[in-house]
């Protein structure tokens, strides 16, 4: 049996994608209200019956506020600022920085630019 939990975070940012056909609207500087979802899994629960305490995910909110909120993502990422690349970047950051219980694992990071679109990274 596997348990899964997730927490959503939001931030506002702009980006401009290069390498697109001439006239593609995403080639112009534009902004989004991004949603980031961090998903954890565990096969056993800790303490009072948690995969992890949701408070363990608080560093994600701080990281997004400091490095991405109201920023141009072209300057914040060292690669093309697509949702796919942002999801991978945030997954790697979470892997290095979240204080998760040893029984929990980071399963995925999902990034949405709109309410209808998303990109997800899971190794």
PDB file of N, CA and C in Angstrom:
ATOM      1  N   UNK A   1       0.851  -1.171   0.000  1.00  0.00           N
ATOM      2  CA  UNK A   1       0.000   0.000   0.000  1.00  0.00           C
ATOM      3  C   UNK A   1       0.901   1.240   0.000  1.00  0.00           C
ATOM      4  N   UNK A   2       0.544   2.211  -0.820  1.00  0.00           N
ATOM      5  CA  UNK A   2       1.311   3.452  -0.897  1.00  0.00           C
ATOM      6  C   UNK A   2       0.416   4.629  -0.544  1.00  0.00           C
ATOM      7  N   UNK A   3       0.938   5.513   0.270  1.00  0.00           N
ATOM      8  CA  UNK A   3       0.258   6.758   0.616  1.00  0.00           C
ATOM      9  C   UNK A   3       0.893   7.884  -0.187  1.00  0.00           C
ATOM     10  N   UNK A   4       0.074   8.831  -0.629  1.00  0.00           N
ATOM     11  CA  UNK A   4       0.571   9.995  -1.368  1.00  0.00           C
ATOM     12  C   UNK A   4      -0.038  11.245  -0.760  1.00  0.00           C
ATOM     13  N   UNK A   5       0.780  12.273  -0.634  1.00  0.00           N
ATOM     14  CA  UNK A   5       0.280  13.586  -0.234  1.00  0.00           C
ATOM     15  C   UNK A   5       0.882  14.625  -1.168  1.00  0.00           C
ATOM     16  N   UNK A   6       0.245  15.766  -1.227  1.00  0.00           N
ATOM     17  CA  UNK A   6       0.769  16.848  -2.044  1.00  0.00           C
ATOM     18  C   UNK A   6       0.408  18.189  -1.449  1.00  0.00           C
ATOM     19  N   UNK A   7       1.191  19.174  -1.805  1.00  0.00           N
ATOM     20  CA  UNK A   7       0.908  20.537  -1.384  1.00  0.00           C
ATOM     21  C   UNK A   7       1.129  21.454  -2.574  1.00  0.00           C
ATOM     22  N   UNK A   8       0.218  22.428  -2.724  1.00  0.00           N
ATOM     23  CA  UNK A   8       0.292  23.387  -3.833  1.00  0.00           C
ATOM     24  C   UNK A   8       0.811  24.731  -3.340  1.00  0.00           C
ATOM     25  N   UNK A   9       1.571  25.359  -4.218  1.00  0.00           N
ATOM     26  CA  UNK A   9       2.124  26.690  -3.971  1.00  0.00           C
ATOM     27  C   UNK A   9       1.879  27.515  -5.226  1.00  0.00           C
ATOM     28  N   UNK A  10       1.764  28.818  -5.068  1.00  0.00           N
ATOM     29  CA  UNK A  10       1.559  29.683  -6.229  1.00  0.00           C
ATOM     30  C   UNK A  10       2.574  30.816  -6.237  1.00  0.00           C
ATOM     31  N   UNK A  11       2.869  31.287  -7.432  1.00  0.00           N
ATOM     32  CA  UNK A  11       3.703  32.475  -7.597  1.00  0.00           C
ATOM     33  C   UNK A  11       3.425  33.071  -8.973  1.00  0.00           C
ATOM     34  N   UNK A  12       3.800  34.320  -9.128  1.00  0.00           N
ATOM     35  CA  UNK A  12       3.615  35.044 -10.386  1.00  0.00           C
ATOM     36  C   UNK A  12       4.983  35.264 -11.009  1.00  0.00           C
ATOM     37  N   UNK A  13       5.079  35.035 -12.322  1.00  0.00           N
ATOM     38  CA  UNK A  13       6.358  35.250 -12.994  1.00  0.00           C
ATOM     39  C   UNK A  13       6.131  35.426 -14.491  1.00  0.00           C
ATOM     40  N   UNK A  14       7.171  35.919 -15.145  1.00  0.00           N
ATOM     41  CA  UNK A  14       7.150  36.100 -16.596  1.00  0.00           C
ATOM     42  C   UNK A  14       8.242  35.236 -17.215  1.00  0.00           C
ATOM     43  N   UNK A  15       8.066  34.933 -18.485  1.00  0.00           N
ATOM     44  CA  UNK A  15       9.128  34.265 -19.235  1.00  0.00           C
ATOM     45  C   UNK A  15       8.932  34.523 -20.716  1.00  0.00           C
ATOM     46  N   UNK A  16       9.969  34.196 -21.464  1.00  0.00           N
ATOM     47  CA  UNK A  16       9.957  34.329 -22.915  1.00  0.00           C
ATOM     48  C   UNK A  16      10.680  33.106 -23.455  1.00  0.00           C
ATOM     49  N   UNK A  17      10.028  32.360 -24.320  1.00  0.00           N
ATOM     50  CA  UNK A  17      10.621  31.141 -24.857  1.00  0.00           C
ATOM     51  C   UNK A  17      11.274  31.431 -26.201  1.00  0.00           C
ATOM     52  N   UNK A  18      12.488  30.944 -26.362  1.00  0.00           N
ATOM     53  CA  UNK A  18      13.216  31.137 -27.615  1.00  0.00           C
ATOM     54  C   UNK A  18      13.147  29.850 -28.425  1.00  0.00           C
ATOM     55  N   UNK A  19      13.565  29.915 -29.665  1.00  0.00           N
ATOM     56  CA  UNK A  19      13.601  28.720 -30.495  1.00  0.00           C
ATOM     57  C   UNK A  19      12.246  28.298 -31.030  1.00  0.00           C
ATOM     58  N   UNK A  20      11.262  29.143 -30.890  1.00  0.00           N
ATOM     59  CA  UNK A  20       9.928  28.839 -31.413  1.00  0.00           C
ATOM     60  C   UNK A  20       9.785  29.432 -32.813  1.00  0.00           C
ATOM     61  N   UNK A  21       8.832  28.952 -33.585  1.00  0.00           N
ATOM     62  CA  UNK A  21       8.611  29.543 -34.907  1.00  0.00           C
ATOM     63  C   UNK A  21       8.306  31.040 -34.791  1.00  0.00           C
ATOM     64  N   UNK A  22       8.726  31.782 -35.776  1.00  0.00           N
ATOM     65  CA  UNK A  22       8.475  33.226 -35.786  1.00  0.00           C
ATOM     66  C   UNK A  22       6.980  33.504 -35.632  1.00  0.00           C
ATOM     67  N   UNK A  23       6.662  34.447 -34.765  1.00  0.00           N
ATOM     68  CA  UNK A  23       5.283  34.828 -34.535  1.00  0.00           C
ATOM     69  C   UNK A  23       4.573  34.020 -33.457  1.00  0.00           C
ATOM     70  N   UNK A  24       5.220  32.980 -32.929  1.00  0.00           N
ATOM     71  CA  UNK A  24       4.596  32.185 -31.858  1.00  0.00           C
ATOM     72  C   UNK A  24       4.411  33.080 -30.640  1.00  0.00           C
ATOM     73  N   UNK A  25       3.213  33.082 -30.056  1.00  0.00           N
ATOM     74  CA  UNK A  25       2.915  34.007 -28.963  1.00  0.00           C
ATOM     75  C   UNK A  25       3.798  33.793 -27.742  1.00  0.00           C
ATOM     76  N   UNK A  26       4.283  32.587 -27.520  1.00  0.00           N
ATOM     77  CA  UNK A  26       5.136  32.336 -26.348  1.00  0.00           C
ATOM     78  C   UNK A  26       6.561  32.838 -26.552  1.00  0.00           C
ATOM     79  N   UNK A  27       6.869  33.290 -27.759  1.00  0.00           N
ATOM     80  CA  UNK A  27       8.167  33.903 -28.021  1.00  0.00           C
ATOM     81  C   UNK A  27       8.236  35.336 -27.523  1.00  0.00           C
ATOM     82  N   UNK A  28       7.088  35.887 -27.161  1.00  0.00           N
ATOM     83  CA  UNK A  28       7.053  37.236 -26.579  1.00  0.00           C
ATOM     84  C   UNK A  28       7.088  37.116 -25.060  1.00  0.00           C
ATOM     85  N   UNK A  29       7.610  38.129 -24.415  1.00  0.00           N
ATOM     86  CA  UNK A  29       7.614  38.152 -22.957  1.00  0.00           C
ATOM     87  C   UNK A  29       6.167  38.160 -22.469  1.00  0.00           C
ATOM     88  N   UNK A  30       5.841  37.244 -21.584  1.00  0.00           N
ATOM     89  CA  UNK A  30       4.479  37.134 -21.059  1.00  0.00           C
ATOM     90  C   UNK A  30       4.538  36.511 -19.671  1.00  0.00           C
ATOM     91  N   UNK A  31       3.442  36.612 -18.939  1.00  0.00           N
ATOM     92  CA  UNK A  31       3.435  36.128 -17.568  1.00  0.00           C
ATOM     93  C   UNK A  31       2.373  35.081 -17.304  1.00  0.00           C
ATOM     94  N   UNK A  32       2.549  34.412 -16.167  1.00  0.00           N
ATOM     95  CA  UNK A  32       1.611  33.382 -15.723  1.00  0.00           C
ATOM     96  C   UNK A  32       1.437  33.464 -14.216  1.00  0.00           C
ATOM     97  N   UNK A  33       0.321  32.959 -13.762  1.00  0.00           N
ATOM     98  CA  UNK A  33       0.108  32.684 -12.345  1.00  0.00           C
ATOM     99  C   UNK A  33       0.408  31.197 -12.182  1.00  0.00           C
ATOM    100  N   UNK A  34       1.629  30.895 -11.788  1.00  0.00           N
ATOM    101  CA  UNK A  34       2.095  29.512 -11.704  1.00  0.00           C
ATOM    102  C   UNK A  34       1.558  28.811 -10.459  1.00  0.00           C
ATOM    103  N   UNK A  35       1.303  27.524 -10.606  1.00  0.00           N
ATOM    104  CA  UNK A  35       1.012  26.652  -9.477  1.00  0.00           C
ATOM    105  C   UNK A  35       2.045  25.537  -9.495  1.00  0.00           C
ATOM    106  N   UNK A  36       2.640  25.285  -8.341  1.00  0.00           N
ATOM    107  CA  UNK A  36       3.606  24.200  -8.183  1.00  0.00           C
ATOM    108  C   UNK A  36       3.023  23.218  -7.179  1.00  0.00           C
ATOM    109  N   UNK A  37       3.014  21.947  -7.530  1.00  0.00           N
ATOM    110  CA  UNK A  37       2.546  20.915  -6.613  1.00  0.00           C
ATOM    111  C   UNK A  37       3.694  19.952  -6.330  1.00  0.00           C
ATOM    112  N   UNK A  38       3.976  19.759  -5.046  1.00  0.00           N
ATOM    113  CA  UNK A  38       5.013  18.830  -4.602  1.00  0.00           C
ATOM    114  C   UNK A  38       4.311  17.591  -4.054  1.00  0.00           C
ATOM    115  N   UNK A  39       4.678  16.418  -4.574  1.00  0.00           N
ATOM    116  CA  UNK A  39       4.014  15.167  -4.203  1.00  0.00           C
ATOM    117  C   UNK A  39       5.015  14.245  -3.501  1.00  0.00           C
ATOM    118  N   UNK A  40       4.619  13.760  -2.322  1.00  0.00           N
ATOM    119  CA  UNK A  40       5.430  12.827  -1.541  1.00  0.00           C
ATOM    120  C   UNK A  40       4.716  11.492  -1.432  1.00  0.00           C
ATOM    121  N   UNK A  41       5.487  10.420  -1.282  1.00  0.00           N
ATOM    122  CA  UNK A  41       4.916   9.091  -1.087  1.00  0.00           C
ATOM    123  C   UNK A  41       5.602   8.391   0.081  1.00  0.00           C
ATOM    124  N   UNK A  42       4.911   7.395   0.611  1.00  0.00           N
ATOM    125  CA  UNK A  42       5.481   6.544   1.655  1.00  0.00           C
ATOM    126  C   UNK A  42       4.687   5.248   1.705  1.00  0.00           C
ATOM    127  N   UNK A  43       5.357   4.180   2.059  1.00  0.00           N
ATOM    128  CA  UNK A  43       4.664   2.903   2.229  1.00  0.00           C
ATOM    129  C   UNK A  43       4.285   2.678   3.680  1.00  0.00           C
ATOM    130  N   UNK A  44       4.852   3.487   4.575  1.00  0.00           N
ATOM    131  CA  UNK A  44       4.453   3.434   5.983  1.00  0.00           C
ATOM    132  C   UNK A  44       4.366   4.858   6.517  1.00  0.00           C
ATOM    133  N   UNK A  45       3.534   5.048   7.513  1.00  0.00           N
ATOM    134  CA  UNK A  45       3.299   6.370   8.079  1.00  0.00           C
ATOM    135  C   UNK A  45       4.159   6.579   9.320  1.00  0.00           C
ATOM    136  N   UNK A  46       4.468   7.849   9.590  1.00  0.00           N
ATOM    137  CA  UNK A  46       5.282   8.184  10.758  1.00  0.00           C
ATOM    138  C   UNK A  46       4.424   8.858  11.814  1.00  0.00           C
ATOM    139  N   UNK A  47       4.959   8.938  13.021  1.00  0.00           N
ATOM    140  CA  UNK A  47       4.337   9.691  14.110  1.00  0.00           C
ATOM    141  C   UNK A  47       2.852   9.493  14.228  1.00  0.00           C
ATOM    142  N   UNK A  48       2.111  10.588  14.066  1.00  0.00           N
ATOM    143  CA  UNK A  48       0.662  10.515  14.260  1.00  0.00           C
ATOM    144  C   UNK A  48      -0.095   9.955  13.056  1.00  0.00           C
ATOM    145  N   UNK A  49       0.627   9.392  12.087  1.00  0.00           N
ATOM    146  CA  UNK A  49      -0.042   8.855  10.905  1.00  0.00           C
ATOM    147  C   UNK A  49       0.165   9.716   9.679  1.00  0.00           C
ATOM    148  N   UNK A  50       1.362  10.273   9.524  1.00  0.00           N
ATOM    149  CA  UNK A  50       1.696  11.160   8.408  1.00  0.00           C
ATOM    150  C   UNK A  50       2.614  10.455   7.406  1.00  0.00           C
ATOM    151  N   UNK A  51       2.493  10.831   6.132  1.00  0.00           N
ATOM    152  CA  UNK A  51       3.578  10.592   5.176  1.00  0.00           C
ATOM    153  C   UNK A  51       4.718  11.513   5.583  1.00  0.00           C
ATOM    154  N   UNK A  52       4.374  12.782   5.759  1.00  0.00           N
ATOM    155  CA  UNK A  52       5.280  13.810   6.274  1.00  0.00           C
ATOM    156  C   UNK A  52       4.396  14.920   6.800  1.00  0.00           C
ATOM    157  N   UNK A  53       4.915  15.701   7.689  1.00  0.00           N
ATOM    158  CA  UNK A  53       4.193  16.873   8.174  1.00  0.00           C
ATOM    159  C   UNK A  53       4.173  17.892   7.038  1.00  0.00           C
ATOM    160  N   UNK A  54       3.015  18.449   6.724  1.00  0.00           N
ATOM    161  CA  UNK A  54       2.955  19.449   5.661  1.00  0.00           C
ATOM    162  C   UNK A  54       3.884  20.623   5.948  1.00  0.00           C
ATOM    163  N   UNK A  55       4.182  20.874   7.208  1.00  0.00           N
ATOM    164  CA  UNK A  55       5.121  21.942   7.565  1.00  0.00           C
ATOM    165  C   UNK A  55       6.518  21.661   7.021  1.00  0.00           C
ATOM    166  N   UNK A  56       6.843  20.388   6.764  1.00  0.00           N
ATOM    167  CA  UNK A  56       8.143  20.045   6.181  1.00  0.00           C
ATOM    168  C   UNK A  56       8.307  20.622   4.784  1.00  0.00           C
ATOM    169  N   UNK A  57       7.193  21.001   4.161  1.00  0.00           N
ATOM    170  CA  UNK A  57       7.239  21.552   2.805  1.00  0.00           C
ATOM    171  C   UNK A  57       7.330  23.072   2.788  1.00  0.00           C
ATOM    172  N   UNK A  58       7.333  23.710   3.951  1.00  0.00           N
ATOM    173  CA  UNK A  58       7.406  25.173   4.032  1.00  0.00           C
ATOM    174  C   UNK A  58       8.609  25.760   3.297  1.00  0.00           C
ATOM    175  N   UNK A  59       9.768  25.105   3.275  1.00  0.00           N
ATOM    176  CA  UNK A  59      10.894  25.683   2.538  1.00  0.00           C
ATOM    177  C   UNK A  59      10.611  25.899   1.052  1.00  0.00           C
ATOM    178  N   UNK A  60       9.697  25.136   0.483  1.00  0.00           N
ATOM    179  CA  UNK A  60       9.355  25.326  -0.928  1.00  0.00           C
ATOM    180  C   UNK A  60       8.749  26.709  -1.127  1.00  0.00           C
ATOM    181  N   UNK A  61       7.823  27.086  -0.262  1.00  0.00           N
ATOM    182  CA  UNK A  61       7.181  28.403  -0.366  1.00  0.00           C
ATOM    183  C   UNK A  61       8.220  29.514  -0.287  1.00  0.00           C
ATOM    184  N   UNK A  62       9.141  29.392   0.645  1.00  0.00           N
ATOM    185  CA  UNK A  62      10.186  30.405   0.808  1.00  0.00           C
ATOM    186  C   UNK A  62      11.088  30.461  -0.422  1.00  0.00           C
ATOM    187  N   UNK A  63      11.465  29.309  -0.945  1.00  0.00           N
ATOM    188  CA  UNK A  63      12.329  29.258  -2.130  1.00  0.00           C
ATOM    189  C   UNK A  63      11.640  29.907  -3.331  1.00  0.00           C
ATOM    190  N   UNK A  64      10.375  29.588  -3.538  1.00  0.00           N
ATOM    191  CA  UNK A  64       9.639  30.191  -4.653  1.00  0.00           C
ATOM    192  C   UNK A  64       9.547  31.701  -4.489  1.00  0.00           C
ATOM    193  N   UNK A  65       9.273  32.169  -3.272  1.00  0.00           N
ATOM    194  CA  UNK A  65       9.155  33.609  -3.016  1.00  0.00           C
ATOM    195  C   UNK A  65      10.474  34.323  -3.268  1.00  0.00           C
ATOM    196  N   UNK A  66      11.568  33.729  -2.849  1.00  0.00           N
ATOM    197  CA  UNK A  66      12.878  34.380  -2.971  1.00  0.00           C
ATOM    198  C   UNK A  66      13.451  34.342  -4.380  1.00  0.00           C
ATOM    199  N   UNK A  67      13.179  33.272  -5.135  1.00  0.00           N
ATOM    200  CA  UNK A  67      13.876  33.085  -6.405  1.00  0.00           C
ATOM    201  C   UNK A  67      13.008  33.181  -7.656  1.00  0.00           C
ATOM    202  N   UNK A  68      11.691  33.060  -7.522  1.00  0.00           N
ATOM    203  CA  UNK A  68      10.852  33.010  -8.712  1.00  0.00           C
ATOM    204  C   UNK A  68       9.695  34.003  -8.722  1.00  0.00           C
ATOM    205  N   UNK A  69       9.132  34.343  -7.575  1.00  0.00           N
ATOM    206  CA  UNK A  69       7.947  35.201  -7.540  1.00  0.00           C
ATOM    207  C   UNK A  69       8.261  36.591  -8.081  1.00  0.00           C
ATOM    208  N   UNK A  70       7.438  37.037  -9.024  1.00  0.00           N
ATOM    209  CA  UNK A  70       7.580  38.339  -9.672  1.00  0.00           C
ATOM    210  C   UNK A  70       8.967  38.521 -10.282  1.00  0.00           C
ATOM    211  N   UNK A  71       9.460  37.460 -10.902  1.00  0.00           N
ATOM    212  CA  UNK A  71      10.746  37.477 -11.590  1.00  0.00           C
ATOM    213  C   UNK A  71      10.539  37.116 -13.054  1.00  0.00           C
ATOM    214  N   UNK A  72      11.539  37.445 -13.860  1.00  0.00           N
ATOM    215  CA  UNK A  72      11.608  36.941 -15.229  1.00  0.00           C
ATOM    216  C   UNK A  72      12.359  35.616 -15.153  1.00  0.00           C
ATOM    217  N   UNK A  73      11.692  34.527 -15.451  1.00  0.00           N
ATOM    218  CA  UNK A  73      12.289  33.207 -15.274  1.00  0.00           C
ATOM    219  C   UNK A  73      13.492  32.975 -16.176  1.00  0.00           C
ATOM    220  N   UNK A  74      13.604  33.729 -17.270  1.00  0.00           N
ATOM    221  CA  UNK A  74      14.777  33.592 -18.126  1.00  0.00           C
ATOM    222  C   UNK A  74      16.055  33.882 -17.348  1.00  0.00           C
ATOM    223  N   UNK A  75      15.984  34.788 -16.377  1.00  0.00           N
ATOM    224  CA  UNK A  75      17.153  35.119 -15.562  1.00  0.00           C
ATOM    225  C   UNK A  75      17.277  34.193 -14.355  1.00  0.00           C
ATOM    226  N   UNK A  76      16.197  33.539 -13.959  1.00  0.00           N
ATOM    227  CA  UNK A  76      16.196  32.692 -12.759  1.00  0.00           C
ATOM    228  C   UNK A  76      16.621  31.256 -13.027  1.00  0.00           C
ATOM    229  N   UNK A  77      16.474  30.801 -14.264  1.00  0.00           N
ATOM    230  CA  UNK A  77      16.828  29.422 -14.620  1.00  0.00           C
ATOM    231  C   UNK A  77      18.026  29.436 -15.556  1.00  0.00           C
ATOM    232  N   UNK A  78      18.833  28.392 -15.502  1.00  0.00           N
ATOM    233  CA  UNK A  78      19.987  28.311 -16.396  1.00  0.00           C
ATOM    234  C   UNK A  78      19.667  27.535 -17.672  1.00  0.00           C
ATOM    235  N   UNK A  79      18.391  27.389 -17.966  1.00  0.00           N
ATOM    236  CA  UNK A  79      17.929  26.720 -19.178  1.00  0.00           C
ATOM    237  C   UNK A  79      16.631  27.375 -19.633  1.00  0.00           C
ATOM    238  N   UNK A  80      16.125  26.948 -20.770  1.00  0.00           N
ATOM    239  CA  UNK A  80      14.874  27.507 -21.288  1.00  0.00           C
ATOM    240  C   UNK A  80      13.792  27.407 -20.207  1.00  0.00           C
ATOM    241  N   UNK A  81      13.087  28.505 -19.904  1.00  0.00           N
ATOM    242  CA  UNK A  81      12.137  28.512 -18.784  1.00  0.00           C
ATOM    243  C   UNK A  81      10.768  27.917 -19.125  1.00  0.00           C
ATOM    244  N   UNK A  82      10.786  26.668 -19.561  1.00  0.00           N
ATOM    245  CA  UNK A  82       9.533  25.959 -19.813  1.00  0.00           C
ATOM    246  C   UNK A  82       9.016  25.377 -18.500  1.00  0.00           C
ATOM    247  N   UNK A  83       7.774  24.996 -18.483  1.00  0.00           N
ATOM    248  CA  UNK A  83       7.217  24.339 -17.292  1.00  0.00           C
ATOM    249  C   UNK A  83       7.942  23.033 -17.002  1.00  0.00           C
ATOM    250  N   UNK A  84       8.323  22.321 -18.053  1.00  0.00           N
ATOM    251  CA  UNK A  84       9.043  21.063 -17.880  1.00  0.00           C
ATOM    252  C   UNK A  84      10.382  21.284 -17.174  1.00  0.00           C
ATOM    253  N   UNK A  85      11.145  22.268 -17.650  1.00  0.00           N
ATOM    254  CA  UNK A  85      12.446  22.549 -17.032  1.00  0.00           C
ATOM    255  C   UNK A  85      12.297  23.092 -15.620  1.00  0.00           C
ATOM    256  N   UNK A  86      11.278  23.903 -15.398  1.00  0.00           N
ATOM    257  CA  UNK A  86      11.041  24.426 -14.054  1.00  0.00           C
ATOM    258  C   UNK A  86      10.675  23.291 -13.097  1.00  0.00           C
ATOM    259  N   UNK A  87       9.853  22.348 -13.543  1.00  0.00           N
ATOM    260  CA  UNK A  87       9.491  21.204 -12.699  1.00  0.00           C
ATOM    261  C   UNK A  87      10.732  20.399 -12.321  1.00  0.00           C
ATOM    262  N   UNK A  88      11.621  20.167 -13.274  1.00  0.00           N
ATOM    263  CA  UNK A  88      12.853  19.422 -12.975  1.00  0.00           C
ATOM    264  C   UNK A  88      13.753  20.201 -12.021  1.00  0.00           C
ATOM    265  N   UNK A  89      13.899  21.488 -12.264  1.00  0.00           N
ATOM    266  CA  UNK A  89      14.716  22.339 -11.394  1.00  0.00           C
ATOM    267  C   UNK A  89      14.190  22.306  -9.959  1.00  0.00           C
ATOM    268  N   UNK A  90      12.887  22.425  -9.791  1.00  0.00           N
ATOM    269  CA  UNK A  90      12.298  22.424  -8.452  1.00  0.00           C
ATOM    270  C   UNK A  90      12.376  21.044  -7.805  1.00  0.00           C
ATOM    271  N   UNK A  91      12.232  19.987  -8.591  1.00  0.00           N
ATOM    272  CA  UNK A  91      12.385  18.634  -8.045  1.00  0.00           C
ATOM    273  C   UNK A  91      13.796  18.462  -7.482  1.00  0.00           C
ATOM    274  N   UNK A  92      14.785  18.887  -8.255  1.00  0.00           N
ATOM    275  CA  UNK A  92      16.175  18.756  -7.805  1.00  0.00           C
ATOM    276  C   UNK A  92      16.424  19.591  -6.554  1.00  0.00           C
ATOM    277  N   UNK A  93      15.851  20.794  -6.504  1.00  0.00           N
ATOM    278  CA  UNK A  93      16.008  21.630  -5.308  1.00  0.00           C
ATOM    279  C   UNK A  93      15.364  20.940  -4.100  1.00  0.00           C
ATOM    280  N   UNK A  94      14.152  20.420  -4.276  1.00  0.00           N
ATOM    281  CA  UNK A  94      13.462  19.736  -3.174  1.00  0.00           C
ATOM    282  C   UNK A  94      14.267  18.542  -2.681  1.00  0.00           C
ATOM    283  N   UNK A  95      14.854  17.795  -3.596  1.00  0.00           N
ATOM    284  CA  UNK A  95      15.659  16.632  -3.224  1.00  0.00           C
ATOM    285  C   UNK A  95      16.803  17.034  -2.300  1.00  0.00           C
ATOM    286  N   UNK A  96      17.417  18.171  -2.581  1.00  0.00           N
ATOM    287  CA  UNK A  96      18.560  18.634  -1.783  1.00  0.00           C
ATOM    288  C   UNK A  96      18.160  19.340  -0.496  1.00  0.00           C
ATOM    289  N   UNK A  97      16.959  19.914  -0.424  1.00  0.00           N
ATOM    290  CA  UNK A  97      16.660  20.855   0.651  1.00  0.00           C
ATOM    291  C   UNK A  97      15.495  20.526   1.575  1.00  0.00           C
ATOM    292  N   UNK A  98      14.647  19.587   1.224  1.00  0.00           N
ATOM    293  CA  UNK A  98      13.503  19.311   2.099  1.00  0.00           C
ATOM    294  C   UNK A  98      13.879  18.335   3.212  1.00  0.00           C
ATOM    295  N   UNK A  99      13.504  18.658   4.449  1.00  0.00           N
ATOM    296  CA  UNK A  99      13.797  17.787   5.592  1.00  0.00           C
ATOM    297  C   UNK A  99      12.714  16.720   5.767  1.00  0.00           C
ATOM    298  N   UNK A 100      12.717  15.737   4.887  1.00  0.00           N
ATOM    299  CA  UNK A 100      11.661  14.720   4.915  1.00  0.00           C
ATOM    300  C   UNK A 100      12.022  13.570   5.844  1.00  0.00           C
ATOM    301  N   UNK A 101      10.998  12.918   6.412  1.00  0.00           N
ATOM    302  CA  UNK A 101      11.266  11.707   7.193  1.00  0.00           C
ATOM    303  C   UNK A 101      11.907  10.643   6.294  1.00  0.00           C
ATOM    304  N   UNK A 102      12.659   9.755   6.878  1.00  0.00           N
ATOM    305  CA  UNK A 102      13.332   8.721   6.086  1.00  0.00           C
ATOM    306  C   UNK A 102      12.347   7.783   5.402  1.00  0.00           C
ATOM    307  N   UNK A 103      11.121   7.735   5.873  1.00  0.00           N
ATOM    308  CA  UNK A 103      10.111   6.862   5.260  1.00  0.00           C
ATOM    309  C   UNK A 103       9.417   7.506   4.065  1.00  0.00           C
ATOM    310  N   UNK A 104       9.621   8.801   3.855  1.00  0.00           N
ATOM    311  CA  UNK A 104       8.952   9.522   2.764  1.00  0.00           C
ATOM    312  C   UNK A 104       9.906   9.734   1.597  1.00  0.00           C
ATOM    313  N   UNK A 105       9.337   9.796   0.414  1.00  0.00           N
ATOM    314  CA  UNK A 105      10.122  10.054  -0.794  1.00  0.00           C
ATOM    315  C   UNK A 105       9.425  11.119  -1.626  1.00  0.00           C
ATOM    316  N   UNK A 106      10.220  11.957  -2.257  1.00  0.00           N
ATOM    317  CA  UNK A 106       9.691  12.924  -3.207  1.00  0.00           C
ATOM    318  C   UNK A 106       9.341  12.158  -4.474  1.00  0.00           C
ATOM    319  N   UNK A 107       8.076  12.188  -4.853  1.00  0.00           N
ATOM    320  CA  UNK A 107       7.635  11.444  -6.033  1.00  0.00           C
ATOM    321  C   UNK A 107       7.655  12.299  -7.288  1.00  0.00           C
ATOM    322  N   UNK A 108       7.160  13.537  -7.197  1.00  0.00           N
ATOM    323  CA  UNK A 108       7.023  14.359  -8.393  1.00  0.00           C
ATOM    324  C   UNK A 108       6.877  15.822  -8.016  1.00  0.00           C
ATOM    325  N   UNK A 109       7.182  16.666  -8.986  1.00  0.00           N
ATOM    326  CA  UNK A 109       6.861  18.090  -8.907  1.00  0.00           C
ATOM    327  C   UNK A 109       6.107  18.425 -10.182  1.00  0.00           C
ATOM    328  N   UNK A 110       4.950  19.050 -10.016  1.00  0.00           N
ATOM    329  CA  UNK A 110       4.102  19.439 -11.136  1.00  0.00           C
ATOM    330  C   UNK A 110       4.022  20.957 -11.182  1.00  0.00           C
ATOM    331  N   UNK A 111       4.163  21.514 -12.381  1.00  0.00           N
ATOM    332  CA  UNK A 111       4.099  22.959 -12.585  1.00  0.00           C
ATOM    333  C   UNK A 111       2.983  23.260 -13.576  1.00  0.00           C
ATOM    334  N   UNK A 112       2.106  24.185 -13.209  1.00  0.00           N
ATOM    335  CA  UNK A 112       1.015  24.620 -14.088  1.00  0.00           C
ATOM    336  C   UNK A 112       1.175  26.095 -14.398  1.00  0.00           C
ATOM    337  N   UNK A 113       1.067  26.427 -15.678  1.00  0.00           N
ATOM    338  CA  UNK A 113       1.054  27.828 -16.095  1.00  0.00           C
ATOM    339  C   UNK A 113      -0.372  28.362 -16.141  1.00  0.00           C
ATOM    340  N   UNK A 114      -1.318  27.464 -16.381  1.00  0.00           N
ATOM    341  CA  UNK A 114      -2.734  27.827 -16.454  1.00  0.00           C
ATOM    342  C   UNK A 114      -3.536  26.749 -15.728  1.00  0.00           C
ATOM    343  N   UNK A 115      -4.822  26.967 -15.607  1.00  0.00           N
ATOM    344  CA  UNK A 115      -5.667  25.964 -14.948  1.00  0.00           C
ATOM    345  C   UNK A 115      -5.848  24.717 -15.808  1.00  0.00           C
ATOM    346  N   UNK A 116      -5.485  24.795 -17.090  1.00  0.00           N
ATOM    347  CA  UNK A 116      -5.716  23.672 -17.997  1.00  0.00           C
ATOM    348  C   UNK A 116      -4.443  22.941 -18.421  1.00  0.00           C
ATOM    349  N   UNK A 117      -3.271  23.471 -18.082  1.00  0.00           N
ATOM    350  CA  UNK A 117      -2.025  22.860 -18.547  1.00  0.00           C
ATOM    351  C   UNK A 117      -1.067  22.615 -17.394  1.00  0.00           C
ATOM    352  N   UNK A 118      -0.276  21.553 -17.510  1.00  0.00           N
ATOM    353  CA  UNK A 118       0.740  21.274 -16.498  1.00  0.00           C
ATOM    354  C   UNK A 118       1.853  20.434 -17.103  1.00  0.00           C
ATOM    355  N   UNK A 119       3.002  20.471 -16.423  1.00  0.00           N
ATOM    356  CA  UNK A 119       4.137  19.604 -16.746  1.00  0.00           C
ATOM    357  C   UNK A 119       4.605  19.004 -15.434  1.00  0.00           C
ATOM    358  N   UNK A 120       4.990  17.748 -15.475  1.00  0.00           N
ATOM    359  CA  UNK A 120       5.385  17.055 -14.254  1.00  0.00           C
ATOM    360  C   UNK A 120       6.743  16.415 -14.457  1.00  0.00           C
ATOM    361  N   UNK A 121       7.584  16.501 -13.418  1.00  0.00           N
ATOM    362  CA  UNK A 121       8.873  15.807 -13.438  1.00  0.00           C
ATOM    363  C   UNK A 121       8.889  14.785 -12.320  1.00  0.00           C
ATOM    364  N   UNK A 122       9.246  13.570 -12.686  1.00  0.00           N
ATOM    365  CA  UNK A 122       9.506  12.501 -11.718  1.00  0.00           C
ATOM    366  C   UNK A 122      10.654  11.697 -12.308  1.00  0.00           C
ATOM    367  N   UNK A 123      11.636  11.353 -11.482  1.00  0.00           N
ATOM    368  CA  UNK A 123      12.808  10.636 -12.025  1.00  0.00           C
ATOM    369  C   UNK A 123      12.474   9.197 -12.402  1.00  0.00           C
TER     370      UNK A 123
END
